[in-house]
């Protein structure tokens, strides 16, 4: 009898939990919102026109964005200027000069700020949207810029790629 009551209580608690959680919406940034008539995309090379040029940033950012779009959407990549979406971008700022943390009268934390200007051409609507994505990345002041770039490279690329993807496909 006691065992049956425990089972009933556990089932009731489980049912209540499922009901509560089903009312909550889990937001996923992997889901792209794309009009049904959009089928093709052209992704141009992201040029680096920043004052300081990290030679690895532009090709890695371009490649990562291409992979993210092709793996998270049903769009077909093309090199045609007649693609339904055409994405181009420029790295406009790569600034490692900011000190953001001071300890014992010495810099303890530096900040790298990276800005990318994105141009999205929607050929079916004959519209062009432009926006900037800018993110800052902190690193130890004990590191040289080259050491910091080595440590931050994956995070910089991933963060900028996610931000660009979300701005284009998730209306962020």
Protein backbone atom coordinates (compact mmCIF):
# COMPACT_ATOMS: atom_id res chain seq x y z
CA UNK A 1 0.00 0.00 0.00
CA UNK A 2 2.78 2.45 0.92
CA UNK A 3 4.67 1.50 -2.23
CA UNK A 4 1.58 2.18 -4.37
CA UNK A 5 1.14 5.62 -2.77
CA UNK A 6 4.80 6.48 -3.48
CA UNK A 7 4.39 5.40 -7.10
CA UNK A 8 1.23 7.50 -7.44
CA UNK A 9 2.98 10.52 -5.89
CA UNK A 10 5.99 10.09 -8.16
CA UNK A 11 3.75 9.77 -11.23
CA UNK A 12 1.78 12.83 -10.17
CA UNK A 13 4.98 14.82 -9.61
CA UNK A 14 6.36 13.67 -12.96
CA UNK A 15 3.12 14.59 -14.76
CA UNK A 16 3.10 18.01 -13.11
CA UNK A 17 6.73 18.59 -14.10
CA UNK A 18 6.05 17.59 -17.72
CA UNK A 19 3.02 19.89 -17.84
CA UNK A 20 5.00 22.83 -16.44
CA UNK A 21 7.96 22.28 -18.74
CA UNK A 22 5.78 21.88 -21.82
CA UNK A 23 4.47 25.39 -21.23
CA UNK A 24 8.00 26.78 -21.22
CA UNK A 25 9.55 27.52 -24.54
CA UNK A 26 13.19 26.69 -25.08
CA UNK A 27 14.74 29.08 -27.53
CA UNK A 28 17.25 27.67 -29.94
CA UNK A 29 19.54 29.80 -32.05
CA UNK A 30 20.16 26.96 -34.47
CA UNK A 31 16.71 27.26 -35.99
CA UNK A 32 16.80 29.54 -38.98
CA UNK A 33 13.77 31.48 -40.10
CA UNK A 34 13.91 31.66 -43.89
CA UNK A 35 11.09 32.55 -46.26
CA UNK A 36 9.97 29.50 -48.24
CA UNK A 37 10.79 31.10 -51.60
CA UNK A 38 14.46 31.61 -50.65
CA UNK A 39 16.44 28.63 -51.95
CA UNK A 40 19.96 29.79 -52.83
CA UNK A 41 22.73 31.75 -51.15
CA UNK A 42 26.03 33.22 -52.22
CA UNK A 43 28.58 33.92 -49.49
CA UNK A 44 31.37 36.24 -50.54
CA UNK A 45 34.82 36.41 -49.02
CA UNK A 46 34.97 38.66 -45.95
CA UNK A 47 37.73 41.19 -46.62
CA UNK A 48 39.93 42.50 -43.84
CA UNK A 49 40.20 46.28 -44.00
CA UNK A 50 40.98 46.89 -40.35
CA UNK A 51 43.92 49.06 -39.33
CA UNK A 52 45.61 45.97 -37.90
CA UNK A 53 45.17 42.86 -40.05
CA UNK A 54 45.14 39.39 -38.57
CA UNK A 55 45.82 37.38 -41.77
CA UNK A 56 43.94 34.31 -40.50
CA UNK A 57 40.74 36.07 -39.46
CA UNK A 58 39.09 36.77 -42.84
CA UNK A 59 39.50 33.30 -44.38
CA UNK A 60 38.51 31.52 -41.15
CA UNK A 61 35.47 33.73 -40.63
CA UNK A 62 34.35 33.22 -44.23
CA UNK A 63 34.81 29.43 -44.01
CA UNK A 64 33.06 29.12 -40.64
CA UNK A 65 30.08 31.20 -41.83
CA UNK A 66 29.77 29.07 -44.98
CA UNK A 67 29.80 25.87 -42.91
CA UNK A 68 27.29 27.22 -40.38
CA UNK A 69 24.84 28.35 -43.06
CA UNK A 70 25.05 25.17 -45.12
CA UNK A 71 24.76 22.90 -42.09
CA UNK A 72 21.95 24.84 -40.34
CA UNK A 73 19.77 25.81 -43.30
CA UNK A 74 18.40 24.12 -46.40
CA UNK A 75 19.83 26.83 -48.65
CA UNK A 76 21.93 25.76 -51.60
CA UNK A 77 25.26 27.56 -51.98
CA UNK A 78 26.00 29.05 -55.36
CA UNK A 79 28.49 31.47 -56.88
CA UNK A 80 25.81 33.08 -59.00
CA UNK A 81 24.94 36.75 -58.57
CA UNK A 82 21.31 35.63 -59.02
CA UNK A 83 21.29 33.88 -55.63
CA UNK A 84 18.28 34.70 -53.48
CA UNK A 85 20.55 35.88 -50.63
CA UNK A 86 23.99 37.35 -51.21
CA UNK A 87 26.18 37.92 -48.17
CA UNK A 88 29.32 40.02 -48.21
CA UNK A 89 31.29 41.43 -45.35
CA UNK A 90 34.27 43.45 -44.29
CA UNK A 91 36.27 43.30 -41.09
CA UNK A 92 36.41 47.01 -40.28
CA UNK A 93 37.99 46.99 -36.83
CA UNK A 94 40.52 44.79 -35.09
CA UNK A 95 41.65 46.79 -32.09
CA UNK A 96 43.86 45.20 -29.42
CA UNK A 97 44.74 48.47 -27.73
CA UNK A 98 42.30 48.68 -24.84
CA UNK A 99 43.35 48.04 -21.25
CA UNK A 100 40.35 47.11 -19.14
CA UNK A 101 41.86 45.77 -15.93
CA UNK A 102 44.52 47.24 -13.67
CA UNK A 103 46.13 45.48 -10.71
CA UNK A 104 48.98 46.94 -8.61
CA UNK A 105 49.22 49.87 -11.04
CA UNK A 106 49.85 47.55 -13.98
CA UNK A 107 47.56 46.42 -16.77
CA UNK A 108 46.14 42.99 -15.91
CA UNK A 109 43.57 42.60 -18.67
CA UNK A 110 43.55 43.81 -22.24
CA UNK A 111 40.66 43.78 -24.66
CA UNK A 112 40.54 42.92 -28.34
CA UNK A 113 37.56 44.44 -30.16
CA UNK A 114 36.57 43.07 -33.56
CA UNK A 115 33.91 44.61 -35.80
CA UNK A 116 32.48 43.13 -38.99
CA UNK A 117 30.28 45.06 -41.42
CA UNK A 118 27.82 42.73 -43.18
CA UNK A 119 25.83 43.41 -46.34
CA UNK A 120 22.88 41.12 -47.04
CA UNK A 121 21.28 41.45 -50.45
CA UNK A 122 17.85 39.86 -50.78
CA UNK A 123 17.42 39.63 -54.53
CA UNK A 124 13.82 38.38 -54.48
CA UNK A 125 12.72 41.45 -52.51
CA UNK A 126 15.26 43.76 -54.14
CA UNK A 127 16.39 44.81 -50.64
CA UNK A 128 19.80 45.39 -49.12
CA UNK A 129 20.34 45.20 -45.37
CA UNK A 130 23.54 46.34 -43.71
CA UNK A 131 24.58 45.87 -40.11
CA UNK A 132 27.66 45.75 -37.92
CA UNK A 133 28.61 42.99 -35.52
CA UNK A 134 31.08 44.03 -32.86
CA UNK A 135 32.39 41.95 -29.98
CA UNK A 136 35.11 42.39 -27.39
CA UNK A 137 37.36 39.65 -26.07
CA UNK A 138 39.44 40.02 -22.91
CA UNK A 139 42.88 38.49 -22.46
CA UNK A 140 45.70 38.65 -19.94
CA UNK A 141 48.01 41.65 -20.24
CA UNK A 142 50.88 39.22 -19.67
CA UNK A 143 50.33 37.83 -23.17
CA UNK A 144 51.62 39.31 -26.38
CA UNK A 145 49.00 40.05 -29.01
CA UNK A 146 50.12 37.02 -31.02
CA UNK A 147 49.76 34.75 -27.97
CA UNK A 148 46.33 36.20 -27.21
CA UNK A 149 45.25 35.73 -30.83
CA UNK A 150 46.24 32.08 -30.62
CA UNK A 151 44.14 31.60 -27.50
CA UNK A 152 41.16 33.69 -28.67
CA UNK A 153 40.99 32.68 -32.34
CA UNK A 154 38.34 29.96 -32.02
CA UNK A 155 36.17 32.05 -29.69
CA UNK A 156 36.39 35.13 -31.92
CA UNK A 157 35.44 33.17 -35.05
CA UNK A 158 32.63 31.23 -33.34
CA UNK A 159 31.13 34.29 -31.65
CA UNK A 160 31.19 36.48 -34.76
CA UNK A 161 29.82 33.67 -36.94
CA UNK A 162 26.96 32.99 -34.53
CA UNK A 163 26.14 36.69 -34.27
CA UNK A 164 26.09 37.15 -38.06
CA UNK A 165 24.00 34.00 -38.56
CA UNK A 166 21.49 35.05 -35.89
CA UNK A 167 21.16 38.56 -37.29
CA UNK A 168 20.44 37.21 -40.78
CA UNK A 169 18.27 34.20 -40.05
CA UNK A 170 16.79 34.69 -36.58
CA UNK A 171 15.76 38.36 -36.78
CA UNK A 172 18.07 39.29 -33.93
